[in-house]
Amino acid sequence: MRTPSRSFGYKFSGYFMEYGPIEADSLDAAKAQIRRRLGVSRLPLGFQIWDLTERPLTRWRVDAAS
């Protein structure tokens, strides 16, 4: 029996916009799927990926200083 997929979100370093959800079985599988989607062999430095069960996706986040 197949294990259920989990949902992941991702964000580029220094940007406000968060993207997702990405459905994958593991964090490594989510990273591979994001690399294919972006057309890169390595994710950029500071790139953030997280499990949406731990922290929900925030589409727009405004800095307190803005």
Protein backbone atom coordinates (compact mmCIF):
# COMPACT_ATOMS: atom_id res chain seq x y z
CA MET A 1 0.00 0.00 0.00
CA ARG A 2 1.27 3.43 -0.92
CA THR A 3 1.89 6.05 1.75
CA PRO A 4 -0.09 9.26 1.34
CA SER A 5 1.68 12.26 -0.19
CA ARG A 6 2.56 15.24 1.92
CA SER A 7 2.34 18.89 0.91
CA PHE A 8 5.31 21.24 0.84
CA GLY A 9 5.73 24.96 0.34
CA TYR A 10 8.79 26.81 -0.92
CA LYS A 11 10.20 30.31 -1.01
CA PHE A 12 13.17 32.06 -2.61
CA SER A 13 15.58 33.81 -0.27
CA GLY A 14 14.82 37.51 0.08
CA TYR A 15 11.34 37.32 -1.49
CA PHE A 16 7.93 37.67 0.16
CA MET A 17 5.95 35.34 -2.10
CA GLU A 18 5.62 31.71 -1.01
CA TYR A 19 4.74 28.99 -3.51
CA GLY A 20 3.04 25.62 -3.28
CA PRO A 21 1.64 23.28 -2.46
CA ILE A 22 3.91 20.63 -3.94
CA GLU A 23 2.63 17.08 -3.40
CA ALA A 24 5.46 14.62 -2.68
CA ASP A 25 6.21 11.59 -0.52
CA SER A 26 9.26 13.15 1.16
CA LEU A 27 11.28 16.34 1.42
CA ASP A 28 13.87 14.96 -1.00
CA ALA A 29 11.16 14.12 -3.53
CA ALA A 30 9.74 17.64 -3.14
CA LYS A 31 13.18 19.15 -3.77
CA ALA A 32 13.59 17.03 -6.92
CA GLN A 33 10.16 18.07 -8.18
CA ILE A 34 10.90 21.76 -7.55
CA ARG A 35 14.26 21.48 -9.36
CA ARG A 36 12.48 19.97 -12.37
CA ARG A 37 9.80 22.65 -12.26
CA LEU A 38 12.41 25.44 -12.15
CA GLY A 39 14.66 23.75 -14.71
CA VAL A 40 17.78 23.84 -12.51
CA SER A 41 20.17 21.15 -11.30
CA ARG A 42 20.70 22.77 -7.89
CA LEU A 43 18.40 24.89 -5.77
CA PRO A 44 19.66 28.43 -5.08
CA LEU A 45 21.36 29.30 -1.79
CA GLY A 46 18.87 30.28 0.90
CA PHE A 47 15.98 28.50 -0.85
CA GLN A 48 13.45 27.39 1.79
CA ILE A 49 11.23 24.30 1.68
CA TRP A 50 8.91 23.21 4.49
CA ASP A 51 6.15 20.74 5.27
CA LEU A 52 2.78 22.50 5.23
CA THR A 53 1.61 20.51 8.27
CA GLU A 54 4.32 22.29 10.29
CA ARG A 55 3.67 25.78 8.91
CA PRO A 56 0.85 26.76 6.56
CA LEU A 57 1.46 28.59 3.30
CA THR A 58 1.29 32.39 3.43
CA ARG A 59 0.78 33.81 -0.05
CA TRP A 60 1.68 37.40 0.79
CA ARG A 61 3.63 38.53 3.82
CA VAL A 62 4.37 42.21 4.41
CA ASP A 63 7.42 43.30 6.43
CA ALA A 64 6.66 45.17 9.63
CA ALA A 65 8.94 47.96 8.36
CA SER A 66 6.88 48.49 5.19
